[in-house]
Amino acid sequence: MTFRFLLIAALFPVALPALAEDAPLPPVTPGGEYLVLTQDDATSTSKCIGDPVTPMCAVETVLACHARGDHSLCRTGMGLDHDPGLGGEGPWDNMTYHVTRSEVLTGEHFPWRPAHDMPWRPGQIDMQAGDIRIDIILNLCDGKPSPDSCGFSFGTLSYIVRKQGNRWAVMIWQPPYDVTDQ
């Protein structure tokens, strides 16, 4: 019995393609603090929009796609070679956001049931063991981003991010669901 446990423990890391040491998880944003996304890279908190070298850079690139109405940012942040048709809503006003959760997914803990045949990724599953989950609360602002000017909230969104070569790609996002919430 002990041998079987040790064997499983020794093989477990092989089963996860993106382990925590390979996946730079963003820290949870401390209370009272926030990150800013504007129509301009120079005034946005992120310095990697358009360059998804970390899971958070991929998420921020997709956020910028929607905020700026720039389809090429969606394509880049989602690791696609075609336009997924998701960047047409913007440009929006400026926004603030903060990370409330980040983790490496295991086979036992998915935020919702994996699905196949996403509209922009036919035949691919939207999440698998080793993917990264990043939960973000996003608020739209009237004018300059500040806690007082950012009234409309999208609430919490869970982003599932996967390593693709030397880049990261957002696979899907939606309101969070946790199997422990049942």
C-alpha atoms as a PDB file:
ATOM      1  CA  MET A   1       0.000   0.000   0.000  1.00  0.00           C
ATOM      2  CA  THR A   2       2.778   2.434   0.915  1.00  0.00           C
ATOM      3  CA  PHE A   3       4.669   1.559  -2.270  1.00  0.00           C
ATOM      4  CA  ARG A   4       1.563   2.276  -4.370  1.00  0.00           C
ATOM      5  CA  PHE A   5       1.125   5.679  -2.672  1.00  0.00           C
ATOM      6  CA  LEU A   6       4.790   6.604  -3.232  1.00  0.00           C
ATOM      7  CA  LEU A   7       4.577   5.513  -6.860  1.00  0.00           C
ATOM      8  CA  ILE A   8       1.485   7.667  -7.461  1.00  0.00           C
ATOM      9  CA  ALA A   9       3.090  10.610  -5.634  1.00  0.00           C
ATOM     10  CA  ALA A  10       6.232  10.277  -7.752  1.00  0.00           C
ATOM     11  CA  LEU A  11       4.250  10.176 -11.018  1.00  0.00           C
ATOM     12  CA  PHE A  12       1.724  12.923 -10.189  1.00  0.00           C
ATOM     13  CA  PRO A  13       3.871  15.881 -11.348  1.00  0.00           C
ATOM     14  CA  VAL A  14       4.236  14.240 -14.775  1.00  0.00           C
ATOM     15  CA  ALA A  15       0.446  14.329 -15.169  1.00  0.00           C
ATOM     16  CA  LEU A  16       0.262  18.113 -14.935  1.00  0.00           C
ATOM     17  CA  PRO A  17       1.707  19.922 -17.958  1.00  0.00           C
ATOM     18  CA  ALA A  18       1.974  23.310 -16.226  1.00  0.00           C
ATOM     19  CA  LEU A  19       3.038  22.986 -12.612  1.00  0.00           C
ATOM     20  CA  ALA A  20       3.134  25.884 -10.203  1.00  0.00           C
ATOM     21  CA  GLU A  21       6.886  26.381 -10.717  1.00  0.00           C
ATOM     22  CA  ASP A  22       6.266  26.693 -14.463  1.00  0.00           C
ATOM     23  CA  ALA A  23       3.205  28.897 -14.043  1.00  0.00           C
ATOM     24  CA  PRO A  24       3.813  32.336 -12.574  1.00  0.00           C
ATOM     25  CA  LEU A  25       0.582  32.808 -10.642  1.00  0.00           C
ATOM     26  CA  PRO A  26      -0.420  36.416 -10.054  1.00  0.00           C
ATOM     27  CA  PRO A  27      -0.776  37.357  -6.408  1.00  0.00           C
ATOM     28  CA  VAL A  28      -4.172  38.189  -4.975  1.00  0.00           C
ATOM     29  CA  THR A  29      -4.502  41.974  -5.023  1.00  0.00           C
ATOM     30  CA  PRO A  30      -4.331  43.320  -1.454  1.00  0.00           C
ATOM     31  CA  GLY A  31      -7.541  44.829  -0.062  1.00  0.00           C
ATOM     32  CA  GLY A  32      -8.084  48.450  -1.022  1.00  0.00           C
ATOM     33  CA  GLU A  33      -5.686  48.222  -3.972  1.00  0.00           C
ATOM     34  CA  TYR A  34      -6.533  47.854  -7.649  1.00  0.00           C
ATOM     35  CA  LEU A  35      -4.968  47.622 -11.087  1.00  0.00           C
ATOM     36  CA  VAL A  36      -5.887  50.030 -13.910  1.00  0.00           C
ATOM     37  CA  LEU A  37      -6.641  49.438 -17.580  1.00  0.00           C
ATOM     38  CA  THR A  38      -7.029  52.451 -19.851  1.00  0.00           C
ATOM     39  CA  GLN A  39      -7.105  53.050 -23.600  1.00  0.00           C
ATOM     40  CA  ASP A  40      -3.338  53.570 -23.507  1.00  0.00           C
ATOM     41  CA  ASP A  41      -0.549  51.178 -22.472  1.00  0.00           C
ATOM     42  CA  ALA A  42       1.401  54.023 -20.852  1.00  0.00           C
ATOM     43  CA  THR A  43      -1.345  54.732 -18.307  1.00  0.00           C
ATOM     44  CA  SER A  44      -2.340  51.089 -17.686  1.00  0.00           C
ATOM     45  CA  THR A  45      -0.891  49.133 -14.771  1.00  0.00           C
ATOM     46  CA  SER A  46       0.055  46.166 -16.963  1.00  0.00           C
ATOM     47  CA  LYS A  47       3.252  46.506 -18.945  1.00  0.00           C
ATOM     48  CA  CYS A  48       2.677  43.315 -20.969  1.00  0.00           C
ATOM     49  CA  ILE A  49      -0.576  43.933 -22.855  1.00  0.00           C
ATOM     50  CA  GLY A  50      -0.160  42.248 -26.230  1.00  0.00           C
ATOM     51  CA  ASP A  51       2.678  40.010 -24.970  1.00  0.00           C
ATOM     52  CA  PRO A  52       1.169  37.009 -23.102  1.00  0.00           C
ATOM     53  CA  VAL A  53       4.383  35.751 -21.497  1.00  0.00           C
ATOM     54  CA  THR A  54       2.582  34.972 -18.203  1.00  0.00           C
ATOM     55  CA  PRO A  55      -0.981  33.849 -17.423  1.00  0.00           C
ATOM     56  CA  MET A  56      -1.817  37.332 -16.102  1.00  0.00           C
ATOM     57  CA  CYS A  57      -0.411  38.992 -19.254  1.00  0.00           C
ATOM     58  CA  ALA A  58      -2.758  36.819 -21.345  1.00  0.00           C
ATOM     59  CA  VAL A  59      -5.742  37.844 -19.197  1.00  0.00           C
ATOM     60  CA  GLU A  60      -4.792  41.535 -19.328  1.00  0.00           C
ATOM     61  CA  THR A  61      -4.424  41.308 -23.111  1.00  0.00           C
ATOM     62  CA  VAL A  62      -7.968  39.920 -23.406  1.00  0.00           C
ATOM     63  CA  LEU A  63      -9.277  42.594 -21.015  1.00  0.00           C
ATOM     64  CA  ALA A  64      -7.616  45.246 -23.204  1.00  0.00           C
ATOM     65  CA  CYS A  65      -9.179  43.671 -26.292  1.00  0.00           C
ATOM     66  CA  HIS A  66     -12.646  44.254 -24.877  1.00  0.00           C
ATOM     67  CA  ALA A  67     -11.917  47.643 -23.330  1.00  0.00           C
ATOM     68  CA  ARG A  68     -10.289  48.989 -26.485  1.00  0.00           C
ATOM     69  CA  GLY A  69     -12.386  47.162 -29.074  1.00  0.00           C
ATOM     70  CA  ASP A  70      -9.196  45.760 -30.615  1.00  0.00           C
ATOM     71  CA  HIS A  71      -9.713  42.316 -32.190  1.00  0.00           C
ATOM     72  CA  SER A  72      -5.988  41.722 -32.600  1.00  0.00           C
ATOM     73  CA  LEU A  73      -5.556  41.804 -28.814  1.00  0.00           C
ATOM     74  CA  CYS A  74      -8.185  39.068 -28.417  1.00  0.00           C
ATOM     75  CA  ARG A  75      -6.413  36.981 -31.022  1.00  0.00           C
ATOM     76  CA  THR A  76      -3.077  37.456 -29.230  1.00  0.00           C
ATOM     77  CA  GLY A  77      -4.397  36.941 -25.694  1.00  0.00           C
ATOM     78  CA  MET A  78      -6.288  33.822 -26.722  1.00  0.00           C
ATOM     79  CA  GLY A  79      -3.411  32.366 -28.749  1.00  0.00           C
ATOM     80  CA  LEU A  80      -5.448  32.142 -31.945  1.00  0.00           C
ATOM     81  CA  ASP A  81      -4.437  32.614 -35.560  1.00  0.00           C
ATOM     82  CA  HIS A  82      -7.879  33.969 -36.456  1.00  0.00           C
ATOM     83  CA  ASP A  83     -10.158  36.698 -35.151  1.00  0.00           C
ATOM     84  CA  PRO A  84     -12.541  35.200 -32.570  1.00  0.00           C
ATOM     85  CA  GLY A  85     -14.956  38.113 -33.099  1.00  0.00           C
ATOM     86  CA  LEU A  86     -14.940  39.128 -29.444  1.00  0.00           C
ATOM     87  CA  GLY A  87     -13.463  42.622 -29.469  1.00  0.00           C
ATOM     88  CA  GLY A  88     -16.316  44.598 -30.982  1.00  0.00           C
ATOM     89  CA  GLU A  89     -17.878  45.957 -27.793  1.00  0.00           C
ATOM     90  CA  GLY A  90     -15.323  48.678 -27.035  1.00  0.00           C
ATOM     91  CA  PRO A  91     -13.919  51.046 -26.652  1.00  0.00           C
ATOM     92  CA  TRP A  92     -15.184  51.177 -23.095  1.00  0.00           C
ATOM     93  CA  ASP A  93     -14.299  53.664 -20.441  1.00  0.00           C
ATOM     94  CA  ASN A  94     -11.291  53.025 -18.252  1.00  0.00           C
ATOM     95  CA  MET A  95     -11.516  50.221 -15.715  1.00  0.00           C
ATOM     96  CA  THR A  96     -10.074  48.951 -12.487  1.00  0.00           C
ATOM     97  CA  TYR A  97      -9.642  45.302 -11.611  1.00  0.00           C
ATOM     98  CA  HIS A  98      -8.186  43.145  -8.924  1.00  0.00           C
ATOM     99  CA  VAL A  99      -7.215  39.498  -8.637  1.00  0.00           C
ATOM    100  CA  THR A 100      -9.222  37.579  -6.037  1.00  0.00           C
ATOM    101  CA  ARG A 101      -7.923  34.059  -6.715  1.00  0.00           C
ATOM    102  CA  SER A 102      -5.258  32.238  -8.734  1.00  0.00           C
ATOM    103  CA  GLU A 103      -4.457  28.550  -8.812  1.00  0.00           C
ATOM    104  CA  VAL A 104      -3.245  25.654 -10.911  1.00  0.00           C
ATOM    105  CA  LEU A 105      -6.200  23.378 -11.717  1.00  0.00           C
ATOM    106  CA  THR A 106      -5.987  19.705 -10.870  1.00  0.00           C
ATOM    107  CA  GLY A 107      -8.138  16.904 -12.252  1.00  0.00           C
ATOM    108  CA  GLU A 108     -10.245  16.951  -9.085  1.00  0.00           C
ATOM    109  CA  HIS A 109     -10.996  20.665  -9.009  1.00  0.00           C
ATOM    110  CA  PHE A 110     -12.490  22.420 -12.014  1.00  0.00           C
ATOM    111  CA  PRO A 111     -14.464  25.661 -11.586  1.00  0.00           C
ATOM    112  CA  TRP A 112     -17.165  24.235 -13.880  1.00  0.00           C
ATOM    113  CA  ARG A 113     -17.647  21.227 -16.135  1.00  0.00           C
ATOM    114  CA  PRO A 114     -15.159  21.061 -18.991  1.00  0.00           C
ATOM    115  CA  ALA A 115     -16.824  21.567 -22.354  1.00  0.00           C
ATOM    116  CA  HIS A 116     -15.785  20.719 -25.876  1.00  0.00           C
ATOM    117  CA  ASP A 117     -16.236  22.651 -29.098  1.00  0.00           C
ATOM    118  CA  MET A 118     -15.856  26.216 -27.960  1.00  0.00           C
ATOM    119  CA  PRO A 119     -16.936  28.514 -30.798  1.00  0.00           C
ATOM    120  CA  TRP A 120     -13.393  29.850 -31.279  1.00  0.00           C
ATOM    121  CA  ARG A 121     -11.624  26.492 -30.612  1.00  0.00           C
ATOM    122  CA  PRO A 122     -13.587  23.690 -32.304  1.00  0.00           C
ATOM    123  CA  GLY A 123     -12.748  20.278 -30.853  1.00  0.00           C
ATOM    124  CA  GLN A 124     -10.674  21.636 -27.949  1.00  0.00           C
ATOM    125  CA  ILE A 125     -11.635  21.289 -24.308  1.00  0.00           C
ATOM    126  CA  ASP A 126     -11.881  24.577 -22.414  1.00  0.00           C
ATOM    127  CA  MET A 127      -9.980  23.376 -19.336  1.00  0.00           C
ATOM    128  CA  GLN A 128      -7.739  20.560 -18.271  1.00  0.00           C
ATOM    129  CA  ALA A 129      -5.438  19.647 -15.397  1.00  0.00           C
ATOM    130  CA  GLY A 130      -2.502  22.036 -15.353  1.00  0.00           C
ATOM    131  CA  ASP A 131      -4.441  25.062 -16.628  1.00  0.00           C
ATOM    132  CA  ILE A 132      -4.379  28.245 -14.564  1.00  0.00           C
ATOM    133  CA  ARG A 133      -7.488  29.819 -13.043  1.00  0.00           C
ATOM    134  CA  ILE A 134      -7.413  33.563 -12.375  1.00  0.00           C
ATOM    135  CA  ASP A 135     -10.486  35.215 -10.832  1.00  0.00           C
ATOM    136  CA  ILE A 136     -10.843  38.957 -11.358  1.00  0.00           C
ATOM    137  CA  ILE A 137     -13.346  41.586 -10.238  1.00  0.00           C
ATOM    138  CA  LEU A 138     -13.678  44.189 -12.981  1.00  0.00           C
ATOM    139  CA  ASN A 139     -15.191  47.688 -12.653  1.00  0.00           C
ATOM    140  CA  LEU A 140     -15.914  50.274 -15.366  1.00  0.00           C
ATOM    141  CA  CYS A 141     -15.003  53.875 -14.532  1.00  0.00           C
ATOM    142  CA  ASP A 142     -16.403  57.257 -15.480  1.00  0.00           C
ATOM    143  CA  GLY A 143     -13.311  59.283 -16.286  1.00  0.00           C
ATOM    144  CA  LYS A 144     -10.020  58.793 -14.496  1.00  0.00           C
ATOM    145  CA  PRO A 145      -9.848  55.417 -12.696  1.00  0.00           C
ATOM    146  CA  SER A 146     -10.296  55.728  -8.960  1.00  0.00           C
ATOM    147  CA  PRO A 147     -12.370  53.917  -6.326  1.00  0.00           C
ATOM    148  CA  ASP A 148     -14.913  56.762  -6.450  1.00  0.00           C
ATOM    149  CA  SER A 149     -15.360  56.856 -10.235  1.00  0.00           C
ATOM    150  CA  CYS A 150     -15.682  53.130 -10.910  1.00  0.00           C
ATOM    151  CA  GLY A 151     -19.270  52.249 -10.184  1.00  0.00           C
ATOM    152  CA  PHE A 152     -20.380  49.564 -12.652  1.00  0.00           C
ATOM    153  CA  SER A 153     -19.013  46.143 -11.761  1.00  0.00           C
ATOM    154  CA  PHE A 154     -19.002  43.041 -13.933  1.00  0.00           C
ATOM    155  CA  GLY A 155     -18.602  41.064 -10.732  1.00  0.00           C
ATOM    156  CA  THR A 156     -16.126  38.204 -10.581  1.00  0.00           C
ATOM    157  CA  LEU A 157     -15.001  36.460 -13.764  1.00  0.00           C
ATOM    158  CA  SER A 158     -12.880  33.296 -13.862  1.00  0.00           C
ATOM    159  CA  TYR A 159     -10.298  33.133 -16.643  1.00  0.00           C
ATOM    160  CA  ILE A 160      -8.825  29.756 -17.605  1.00  0.00           C
ATOM    161  CA  VAL A 161      -5.344  30.137 -19.095  1.00  0.00           C
ATOM    162  CA  ARG A 162      -3.148  27.470 -20.747  1.00  0.00           C
ATOM    163  CA  LYS A 163       0.510  27.378 -21.744  1.00  0.00           C
ATOM    164  CA  GLN A 164       0.998  27.145 -25.512  1.00  0.00           C
ATOM    165  CA  GLY A 165       4.667  26.905 -26.388  1.00  0.00           C
ATOM    166  CA  ASN A 166       6.405  29.866 -24.745  1.00  0.00           C
ATOM    167  CA  ARG A 167       3.190  31.936 -24.476  1.00  0.00           C
ATOM    168  CA  TRP A 168      -0.009  31.743 -22.449  1.00  0.00           C
ATOM    169  CA  ALA A 169      -3.534  31.763 -23.900  1.00  0.00           C
ATOM    170  CA  VAL A 170      -6.916  32.462 -22.341  1.00  0.00           C
ATOM    171  CA  MET A 171      -9.106  29.471 -23.164  1.00  0.00           C
ATOM    172  CA  ILE A 172     -12.394  30.710 -21.716  1.00  0.00           C
ATOM    173  CA  TRP A 173     -13.869  33.047 -19.111  1.00  0.00           C
ATOM    174  CA  GLN A 174     -17.178  33.090 -17.309  1.00  0.00           C
ATOM    175  CA  PRO A 175     -18.650  33.690 -13.859  1.00  0.00           C
ATOM    176  CA  PRO A 176     -16.984  31.419 -11.324  1.00  0.00           C
ATOM    177  CA  TYR A 177     -18.482  28.155 -10.217  1.00  0.00           C
ATOM    178  CA  ASP A 178     -16.854  25.991  -7.607  1.00  0.00           C
ATOM    179  CA  VAL A 179     -17.804  22.374  -7.005  1.00  0.00           C
ATOM    180  CA  THR A 180     -17.615  23.112  -3.275  1.00  0.00           C
ATOM    181  CA  ASP A 181     -20.476  25.609  -3.688  1.00  0.00           C
ATOM    182  CA  GLN A 182     -23.053  22.866  -4.339  1.00  0.00           C
END
